[in-house]
Amino acid sequence: MQIKPLGDRVLVQVLESEGTTASGIVLPESAKEKKAQGKLIAIGDGEKVTKLGLAVGDVVIFGKYAGDEVEMEDEEYKILKEDEILAVVK
């Protein structure tokens, strides 16, 4: 199944958070904080989002509560507006 975001939106696959701390303590699923990072899967063709110069495969940082959550084929995705993307990880 493919999703094509409309306008100035992007589809991001949310990256999993670490299961252990730096000191080796294993965290239960309920204690994990969702990362605000994700990999771009698809980009809309709106004017504002094309000006950002994003490419499929880029890792971006977005607000913790930004976007709309979508689940497909047991994977978690978010659909974000262009102004919800804070930075690109290089």
PDB file of N, CA and C in Angstrom:
ATOM      1  N   MET A   1       0.844  -1.174   0.000  1.00  0.00           N
ATOM      2  CA  MET A   1       0.000   0.000   0.000  1.00  0.00           C
ATOM      3  C   MET A   1       0.888   1.235   0.000  1.00  0.00           C
ATOM      4  N   GLN A   2       0.536   2.219  -0.789  1.00  0.00           N
ATOM      5  CA  GLN A   2       1.285   3.460  -0.841  1.00  0.00           C
ATOM      6  C   GLN A   2       0.398   4.621  -0.432  1.00  0.00           C
ATOM      7  N   ILE A   3       1.009   5.571   0.259  1.00  0.00           N
ATOM      8  CA  ILE A   3       0.305   6.787   0.643  1.00  0.00           C
ATOM      9  C   ILE A   3       1.067   7.954   0.032  1.00  0.00           C
ATOM     10  N   LYS A   4       0.358   8.844  -0.620  1.00  0.00           N
ATOM     11  CA  LYS A   4       0.938  10.060  -1.189  1.00  0.00           C
ATOM     12  C   LYS A   4       0.356  11.245  -0.435  1.00  0.00           C
ATOM     13  N   PRO A   5       1.178  11.932   0.377  1.00  0.00           N
ATOM     14  CA  PRO A   5       0.674  13.101   1.099  1.00  0.00           C
ATOM     15  C   PRO A   5       0.262  14.204   0.124  1.00  0.00           C
ATOM     16  N   LEU A   6      -0.767  14.925   0.486  1.00  0.00           N
ATOM     17  CA  LEU A   6      -1.264  16.004  -0.360  1.00  0.00           C
ATOM     18  C   LEU A   6      -0.698  17.344   0.089  1.00  0.00           C
ATOM     19  N   GLY A   7      -0.497  18.232  -0.846  1.00  0.00           N
ATOM     20  CA  GLY A   7      -0.083  19.601  -0.535  1.00  0.00           C
ATOM     21  C   GLY A   7       1.247  19.674   0.180  1.00  0.00           C
ATOM     22  N   ASP A   8       1.275  20.436   1.246  1.00  0.00           N
ATOM     23  CA  ASP A   8       2.496  20.686   2.011  1.00  0.00           C
ATOM     24  C   ASP A   8       2.646  19.724   3.186  1.00  0.00           C
ATOM     25  N   ARG A   9       2.420  18.447   2.941  1.00  0.00           N
ATOM     26  CA  ARG A   9       2.531  17.441   4.000  1.00  0.00           C
ATOM     27  C   ARG A   9       3.562  16.388   3.611  1.00  0.00           C
ATOM     28  N   VAL A  10       4.093  15.713   4.644  1.00  0.00           N
ATOM     29  CA  VAL A  10       5.040  14.618   4.430  1.00  0.00           C
ATOM     30  C   VAL A  10       4.611  13.411   5.250  1.00  0.00           C
ATOM     31  N   LEU A  11       5.008  12.236   4.798  1.00  0.00           N
ATOM     32  CA  LEU A  11       4.759  10.990   5.524  1.00  0.00           C
ATOM     33  C   LEU A  11       6.078  10.559   6.145  1.00  0.00           C
ATOM     34  N   VAL A  12       6.076  10.351   7.464  1.00  0.00           N
ATOM     35  CA  VAL A  12       7.285  10.035   8.213  1.00  0.00           C
ATOM     36  C   VAL A  12       7.091   8.719   8.942  1.00  0.00           C
ATOM     37  N   GLN A  13       8.092   7.831   8.843  1.00  0.00           N
ATOM     38  CA  GLN A  13       8.089   6.598   9.636  1.00  0.00           C
ATOM     39  C   GLN A  13       8.790   6.918  10.948  1.00  0.00           C
ATOM     40  N   VAL A  14       8.077   6.770  12.051  1.00  0.00           N
ATOM     41  CA  VAL A  14       8.602   7.114  13.371  1.00  0.00           C
ATOM     42  C   VAL A  14       9.696   6.122  13.744  1.00  0.00           C
ATOM     43  N   LEU A  15      10.860   6.649  14.188  1.00  0.00           N
ATOM     44  CA  LEU A  15      11.967   5.799  14.597  1.00  0.00           C
ATOM     45  C   LEU A  15      11.726   5.283  16.010  1.00  0.00           C
ATOM     46  N   GLU A  16      12.087   4.034  16.238  1.00  0.00           N
ATOM     47  CA  GLU A  16      11.897   3.398  17.540  1.00  0.00           C
ATOM     48  C   GLU A  16      12.836   4.003  18.575  1.00  0.00           C
ATOM     49  N   SER A  17      12.366   4.089  19.808  1.00  0.00           N
ATOM     50  CA  SER A  17      13.211   4.586  20.896  1.00  0.00           C
ATOM     51  C   SER A  17      14.022   3.433  21.473  1.00  0.00           C
ATOM     52  N   GLU A  18      15.105   3.783  22.124  1.00  0.00           N
ATOM     53  CA  GLU A  18      15.985   2.792  22.722  1.00  0.00           C
ATOM     54  C   GLU A  18      15.267   1.998  23.803  1.00  0.00           C
ATOM     55  N   GLY A  19      15.561   0.709  23.922  1.00  0.00           N
ATOM     56  CA  GLY A  19      14.960  -0.140  24.931  1.00  0.00           C
ATOM     57  C   GLY A  19      15.761  -0.197  26.220  1.00  0.00           C
ATOM     58  N   THR A  20      17.004   0.312  26.176  1.00  0.00           N
ATOM     59  CA  THR A  20      17.846   0.328  27.359  1.00  0.00           C
ATOM     60  C   THR A  20      18.485   1.704  27.499  1.00  0.00           C
ATOM     61  N   THR A  21      18.827   2.044  28.714  1.00  0.00           N
ATOM     62  CA  THR A  21      19.512   3.307  28.968  1.00  0.00           C
ATOM     63  C   THR A  21      21.004   3.134  28.713  1.00  0.00           C
ATOM     64  N   ALA A  22      21.759   4.216  28.796  1.00  0.00           N
ATOM     65  CA  ALA A  22      23.212   4.164  28.582  1.00  0.00           C
ATOM     66  C   ALA A  22      23.902   3.290  29.624  1.00  0.00           C
ATOM     67  N   SER A  23      23.314   3.190  30.815  1.00  0.00           N
ATOM     68  CA  SER A  23      23.913   2.378  31.865  1.00  0.00           C
ATOM     69  C   SER A  23      23.453   0.922  31.827  1.00  0.00           C
ATOM     70  N   GLY A  24      22.595   0.577  30.846  1.00  0.00           N
ATOM     71  CA  GLY A  24      22.197  -0.822  30.673  1.00  0.00           C
ATOM     72  C   GLY A  24      20.882  -1.198  31.316  1.00  0.00           C
ATOM     73  N   ILE A  25      20.147  -0.252  31.853  1.00  0.00           N
ATOM     74  CA  ILE A  25      18.851  -0.547  32.471  1.00  0.00           C
ATOM     75  C   ILE A  25      17.818  -0.736  31.368  1.00  0.00           C
ATOM     76  N   VAL A  26      17.099  -1.863  31.411  1.00  0.00           N
ATOM     77  CA  VAL A  26      16.080  -2.158  30.414  1.00  0.00           C
ATOM     78  C   VAL A  26      14.797  -1.444  30.805  1.00  0.00           C
ATOM     79  N   LEU A  27      14.236  -0.673  29.869  1.00  0.00           N
ATOM     80  CA  LEU A  27      13.017   0.078  30.132  1.00  0.00           C
ATOM     81  C   LEU A  27      11.796  -0.690  29.642  1.00  0.00           C
ATOM     82  N   PRO A  28      10.730  -0.727  30.447  1.00  0.00           N
ATOM     83  CA  PRO A  28       9.494  -1.341  29.957  1.00  0.00           C
ATOM     84  C   PRO A  28       8.862  -0.473  28.879  1.00  0.00           C
ATOM     85  N   GLU A  29       8.002  -1.052  28.080  1.00  0.00           N
ATOM     86  CA  GLU A  29       7.369  -0.347  26.967  1.00  0.00           C
ATOM     87  C   GLU A  29       6.631   0.909  27.436  1.00  0.00           C
ATOM     88  N   SER A  30       6.011   0.851  28.622  1.00  0.00           N
ATOM     89  CA  SER A  30       5.238   1.990  29.122  1.00  0.00           C
ATOM     90  C   SER A  30       6.117   3.162  29.545  1.00  0.00           C
ATOM     91  N   ALA A  31       7.392   2.939  29.803  1.00  0.00           N
ATOM     92  CA  ALA A  31       8.283   4.002  30.260  1.00  0.00           C
ATOM     93  C   ALA A  31       9.050   4.660  29.122  1.00  0.00           C
ATOM     94  N   LYS A  32       8.964   4.086  27.937  1.00  0.00           N
ATOM     95  CA  LYS A  32       9.692   4.645  26.802  1.00  0.00           C
ATOM     96  C   LYS A  32       9.024   5.927  26.320  1.00  0.00           C
ATOM     97  N   GLU A  33       9.839   6.897  26.060  1.00  0.00           N
ATOM     98  CA  GLU A  33       9.343   8.157  25.512  1.00  0.00           C
ATOM     99  C   GLU A  33       9.534   8.107  23.999  1.00  0.00           C
ATOM    100  N   LYS A  34       8.503   8.446  23.277  1.00  0.00           N
ATOM    101  CA  LYS A  34       8.602   8.412  21.818  1.00  0.00           C
ATOM    102  C   LYS A  34       9.570   9.478  21.342  1.00  0.00           C
ATOM    103  N   LYS A  35      10.458   9.068  20.460  1.00  0.00           N
ATOM    104  CA  LYS A  35      11.370  10.026  19.870  1.00  0.00           C
ATOM    105  C   LYS A  35      10.615  10.920  18.917  1.00  0.00           C
ATOM    106  N   ALA A  36      11.116  12.088  18.788  1.00  0.00           N
ATOM    107  CA  ALA A  36      10.523  13.011  17.836  1.00  0.00           C
ATOM    108  C   ALA A  36      11.382  13.039  16.582  1.00  0.00           C
ATOM    109  N   GLN A  37      11.762  11.835  16.111  1.00  0.00           N
ATOM    110  CA  GLN A  37      12.542  11.698  14.895  1.00  0.00           C
ATOM    111  C   GLN A  37      11.876  10.688  13.995  1.00  0.00           C
ATOM    112  N   GLY A  38      12.040  10.878  12.708  1.00  0.00           N
ATOM    113  CA  GLY A  38      11.471   9.935  11.773  1.00  0.00           C
ATOM    114  C   GLY A  38      12.130  10.033  10.415  1.00  0.00           C
ATOM    115  N   LYS A  39      11.936   8.979   9.632  1.00  0.00           N
ATOM    116  CA  LYS A  39      12.495   8.894   8.287  1.00  0.00           C
ATOM    117  C   LYS A  39      11.413   9.254   7.279  1.00  0.00           C
ATOM    118  N   LEU A  40      11.728  10.161   6.357  1.00  0.00           N
ATOM    119  CA  LEU A  40      10.762  10.572   5.347  1.00  0.00           C
ATOM    120  C   LEU A  40      10.492   9.432   4.375  1.00  0.00           C
ATOM    121  N   ILE A  41       9.227   9.092   4.224  1.00  0.00           N
ATOM    122  CA  ILE A  41       8.805   8.027   3.323  1.00  0.00           C
ATOM    123  C   ILE A  41       8.227   8.606   2.036  1.00  0.00           C
ATOM    124  N   ALA A  42       7.471   9.687   2.148  1.00  0.00           N
ATOM    125  CA  ALA A  42       6.860  10.326   0.975  1.00  0.00           C
ATOM    126  C   ALA A  42       6.705  11.814   1.250  1.00  0.00           C
ATOM    127  N   ILE A  43       6.775  12.599   0.186  1.00  0.00           N
ATOM    128  CA  ILE A  43       6.690  14.052   0.292  1.00  0.00           C
ATOM    129  C   ILE A  43       5.611  14.554  -0.658  1.00  0.00           C
ATOM    130  N   GLY A  44       4.754  15.440  -0.146  1.00  0.00           N
ATOM    131  CA  GLY A  44       3.726  16.048  -0.988  1.00  0.00           C
ATOM    132  C   GLY A  44       4.348  16.989  -2.008  1.00  0.00           C
ATOM    133  N   ASP A  45       3.530  17.509  -2.921  1.00  0.00           N
ATOM    134  CA  ASP A  45       4.062  18.375  -3.971  1.00  0.00           C
ATOM    135  C   ASP A  45       3.671  19.837  -3.786  1.00  0.00           C
ATOM    136  N   GLY A  46       3.396  20.222  -2.546  1.00  0.00           N
ATOM    137  CA  GLY A  46       3.057  21.617  -2.256  1.00  0.00           C
ATOM    138  C   GLY A  46       4.262  22.530  -2.384  1.00  0.00           C
ATOM    139  N   GLU A  47       3.991  23.804  -2.593  1.00  0.00           N
ATOM    140  CA  GLU A  47       5.051  24.796  -2.820  1.00  0.00           C
ATOM    141  C   GLU A  47       5.959  24.961  -1.594  1.00  0.00           C
ATOM    142  N   LYS A  48       5.366  25.026  -0.408  1.00  0.00           N
ATOM    143  CA  LYS A  48       6.157  25.261   0.807  1.00  0.00           C
ATOM    144  C   LYS A  48       7.069  24.082   1.132  1.00  0.00           C
ATOM    145  N   VAL A  49       6.573  22.863   0.975  1.00  0.00           N
ATOM    146  CA  VAL A  49       7.378  21.695   1.327  1.00  0.00           C
ATOM    147  C   VAL A  49       8.499  21.459   0.316  1.00  0.00           C
ATOM    148  N   THR A  50       8.308  21.828  -0.930  1.00  0.00           N
ATOM    149  CA  THR A  50       9.383  21.676  -1.910  1.00  0.00           C
ATOM    150  C   THR A  50      10.510  22.674  -1.665  1.00  0.00           C
ATOM    151  N   LYS A  51      10.185  23.837  -1.098  1.00  0.00           N
ATOM    152  CA  LYS A  51      11.206  24.835  -0.772  1.00  0.00           C
ATOM    153  C   LYS A  51      12.139  24.364   0.345  1.00  0.00           C
ATOM    154  N   LEU A  52      11.694  23.409   1.165  1.00  0.00           N
ATOM    155  CA  LEU A  52      12.529  22.900   2.256  1.00  0.00           C
ATOM    156  C   LEU A  52      13.692  22.054   1.740  1.00  0.00           C
ATOM    157  N   GLY A  53      13.590  21.550   0.525  1.00  0.00           N
ATOM    158  CA  GLY A  53      14.676  20.751  -0.045  1.00  0.00           C
ATOM    159  C   GLY A  53      14.804  19.373   0.573  1.00  0.00           C
ATOM    160  N   LEU A  54      13.704  18.814   1.022  1.00  0.00           N
ATOM    161  CA  LEU A  54      13.717  17.488   1.633  1.00  0.00           C
ATOM    162  C   LEU A  54      13.757  16.407   0.565  1.00  0.00           C
ATOM    163  N   ALA A  55      14.299  15.247   0.946  1.00  0.00           N
ATOM    164  CA  ALA A  55      14.342  14.101   0.042  1.00  0.00           C
ATOM    165  C   ALA A  55      13.872  12.864   0.798  1.00  0.00           C
ATOM    166  N   VAL A  56      13.276  11.944   0.072  1.00  0.00           N
ATOM    167  CA  VAL A  56      12.853  10.681   0.681  1.00  0.00           C
ATOM    168  C   VAL A  56      14.084  10.001   1.265  1.00  0.00           C
ATOM    169  N   GLY A  57      13.965   9.539   2.503  1.00  0.00           N
ATOM    170  CA  GLY A  57      15.085   8.906   3.201  1.00  0.00           C
ATOM    171  C   GLY A  57      15.746   9.807   4.229  1.00  0.00           C
ATOM    172  N   ASP A  58      15.497  11.128   4.159  1.00  0.00           N
ATOM    173  CA  ASP A  58      16.046  12.047   5.158  1.00  0.00           C
ATOM    174  C   ASP A  58      15.458  11.735   6.526  1.00  0.00           C
ATOM    175  N   VAL A  59      16.256  11.946   7.573  1.00  0.00           N
ATOM    176  CA  VAL A  59      15.769  11.820   8.946  1.00  0.00           C
ATOM    177  C   VAL A  59      15.481  13.222   9.447  1.00  0.00           C
ATOM    178  N   VAL A  60      14.261  13.425   9.941  1.00  0.00           N
ATOM    179  CA  VAL A  60      13.841  14.748  10.393  1.00  0.00           C
ATOM    180  C   VAL A  60      13.455  14.707  11.870  1.00  0.00           C
ATOM    181  N   ILE A  61      13.517  15.866  12.490  1.00  0.00           N
ATOM    182  CA  ILE A  61      13.083  16.042  13.875  1.00  0.00           C
ATOM    183  C   ILE A  61      11.808  16.856  13.841  1.00  0.00           C
ATOM    184  N   PHE A  62      10.823  16.421  14.621  1.00  0.00           N
ATOM    185  CA  PHE A  62       9.543  17.128  14.666  1.00  0.00           C
ATOM    186  C   PHE A  62       9.066  17.187  16.103  1.00  0.00           C
ATOM    187  N   GLY A  63       8.081  18.022  16.364  1.00  0.00           N
ATOM    188  CA  GLY A  63       7.539  18.173  17.705  1.00  0.00           C
ATOM    189  C   GLY A  63       6.972  16.866  18.243  1.00  0.00           C
ATOM    190  N   LYS A  64       7.090  16.672  19.526  1.00  0.00           N
ATOM    191  CA  LYS A  64       6.666  15.422  20.157  1.00  0.00           C
ATOM    192  C   LYS A  64       5.199  15.087  19.882  1.00  0.00           C
ATOM    193  N   TYR A  65       4.345  16.083  19.863  1.00  0.00           N
ATOM    194  CA  TYR A  65       2.908  15.848  19.656  1.00  0.00           C
ATOM    195  C   TYR A  65       2.441  16.318  18.281  1.00  0.00           C
ATOM    196  N   ALA A  66       3.374  16.521  17.361  1.00  0.00           N
ATOM    197  CA  ALA A  66       3.039  17.028  16.030  1.00  0.00           C
ATOM    198  C   ALA A  66       2.441  15.937  15.153  1.00  0.00           C
ATOM    199  N   GLY A  67       1.682  16.338  14.182  1.00  0.00           N
ATOM    200  CA  GLY A  67       1.192  15.439  13.147  1.00  0.00           C
ATOM    201  C   GLY A  67       0.045  14.545  13.568  1.00  0.00           C
ATOM    202  N   ASP A  68      -0.397  13.759  12.583  1.00  0.00           N
ATOM    203  CA  ASP A  68      -1.479  12.796  12.791  1.00  0.00           C
ATOM    204  C   ASP A  68      -0.907  11.399  12.646  1.00  0.00           C
ATOM    205  N   GLU A  69      -1.171  10.549  13.633  1.00  0.00           N
ATOM    206  CA  GLU A  69      -0.646   9.188  13.613  1.00  0.00           C
ATOM    207  C   GLU A  69      -1.467   8.296  12.688  1.00  0.00           C
ATOM    208  N   VAL A  70      -0.753   7.455  11.935  1.00  0.00           N
ATOM    209  CA  VAL A  70      -1.359   6.506  11.020  1.00  0.00           C
ATOM    210  C   VAL A  70      -0.627   5.186  11.204  1.00  0.00           C
ATOM    211  N   GLU A  71      -1.361   4.081  11.261  1.00  0.00           N
ATOM    212  CA  GLU A  71      -0.730   2.772  11.374  1.00  0.00           C
ATOM    213  C   GLU A  71      -1.122   1.927  10.169  1.00  0.00           C
ATOM    214  N   MET A  72      -0.091   1.411   9.474  1.00  0.00           N
ATOM    215  CA  MET A  72      -0.308   0.547   8.319  1.00  0.00           C
ATOM    216  C   MET A  72       0.669  -0.607   8.385  1.00  0.00           C
ATOM    217  N   GLU A  73       0.162  -1.802   8.140  1.00  0.00           N
ATOM    218  CA  GLU A  73       1.005  -2.994   8.086  1.00  0.00           C
ATOM    219  C   GLU A  73       1.927  -3.080   9.299  1.00  0.00           C
ATOM    220  N   ASP A  74       1.385  -2.864  10.487  1.00  0.00           N
ATOM    221  CA  ASP A  74       2.101  -2.941  11.765  1.00  0.00           C
ATOM    222  C   ASP A  74       3.265  -1.964  11.877  1.00  0.00           C
ATOM    223  N   GLU A  75       3.257  -0.902  11.117  1.00  0.00           N
ATOM    224  CA  GLU A  75       4.258   0.154  11.209  1.00  0.00           C
ATOM    225  C   GLU A  75       3.554   1.447  11.605  1.00  0.00           C
ATOM    226  N   GLU A  76       4.241   2.259  12.388  1.00  0.00           N
ATOM    227  CA  GLU A  76       3.680   3.530  12.844  1.00  0.00           C
ATOM    228  C   GLU A  76       4.236   4.670  11.997  1.00  0.00           C
ATOM    229  N   TYR A  77       3.346   5.485  11.469  1.00  0.00           N
ATOM    230  CA  TYR A  77       3.710   6.624  10.631  1.00  0.00           C
ATOM    231  C   TYR A  77       3.037   7.881  11.178  1.00  0.00           C
ATOM    232  N   LYS A  78       3.564   9.026  10.750  1.00  0.00           N
ATOM    233  CA  LYS A  78       2.926  10.303  11.045  1.00  0.00           C
ATOM    234  C   LYS A  78       2.842  11.096   9.760  1.00  0.00           C
ATOM    235  N   ILE A  79       1.752  11.820   9.618  1.00  0.00           N
ATOM    236  CA  ILE A  79       1.613  12.769   8.520  1.00  0.00           C
ATOM    237  C   ILE A  79       1.799  14.154   9.128  1.00  0.00           C
ATOM    238  N   LEU A  80       2.839  14.848   8.672  1.00  0.00           N
ATOM    239  CA  LEU A  80       3.210  16.145   9.224  1.00  0.00           C
ATOM    240  C   LEU A  80       3.016  17.252   8.197  1.00  0.00           C
ATOM    241  N   LYS A  81       2.659  18.431   8.674  1.00  0.00           N
ATOM    242  CA  LYS A  81       2.653  19.624   7.826  1.00  0.00           C
ATOM    243  C   LYS A  81       4.089  20.135   7.744  1.00  0.00           C
ATOM    244  N   GLU A  82       4.392  20.907   6.723  1.00  0.00           N
ATOM    245  CA  GLU A  82       5.759  21.389   6.535  1.00  0.00           C
ATOM    246  C   GLU A  82       6.242  22.243   7.710  1.00  0.00           C
ATOM    247  N   ASP A  83       5.366  22.968   8.379  1.00  0.00           N
ATOM    248  CA  ASP A  83       5.793  23.820   9.487  1.00  0.00           C
ATOM    249  C   ASP A  83       6.008  23.050  10.791  1.00  0.00           C
ATOM    250  N   GLU A  84       5.670  21.760  10.818  1.00  0.00           N
ATOM    251  CA  GLU A  84       5.900  20.930  12.000  1.00  0.00           C
ATOM    252  C   GLU A  84       7.278  20.267  11.981  1.00  0.00           C
ATOM    253  N   ILE A  85       7.974  20.350  10.845  1.00  0.00           N
ATOM    254  CA  ILE A  85       9.326  19.799  10.742  1.00  0.00           C
ATOM    255  C   ILE A  85      10.279  20.839  11.287  1.00  0.00           C
ATOM    256  N   LEU A  86      11.062  20.452  12.304  1.00  0.00           N
ATOM    257  CA  LEU A  86      11.946  21.392  12.972  1.00  0.00           C
ATOM    258  C   LEU A  86      13.356  21.393  12.409  1.00  0.00           C
ATOM    259  N   ALA A  87      13.861  20.210  11.996  1.00  0.00           N
ATOM    260  CA  ALA A  87      15.240  20.112  11.517  1.00  0.00           C
ATOM    261  C   ALA A  87      15.428  18.826  10.729  1.00  0.00           C
ATOM    262  N   VAL A  88      16.526  18.789   9.974  1.00  0.00           N
ATOM    263  CA  VAL A  88      16.932  17.597   9.238  1.00  0.00           C
ATOM    264  C   VAL A  88      18.237  17.111   9.863  1.00  0.00           C
ATOM    265  N   VAL A  89      18.318  15.823  10.163  1.00  0.00           N
ATOM    266  CA  VAL A  89      19.524  15.228  10.745  1.00  0.00           C
ATOM    267  C   VAL A  89      20.461  14.831   9.605  1.00  0.00           C
ATOM    268  N   LYS A  90      21.667  15.329   9.622  1.00  0.00           N
ATOM    269  CA  LYS A  90      22.659  15.011   8.573  1.00  0.00           C
ATOM    270  C   LYS A  90      23.710  14.077   9.103  1.00  0.00           C
TER     271      LYS A  90
END
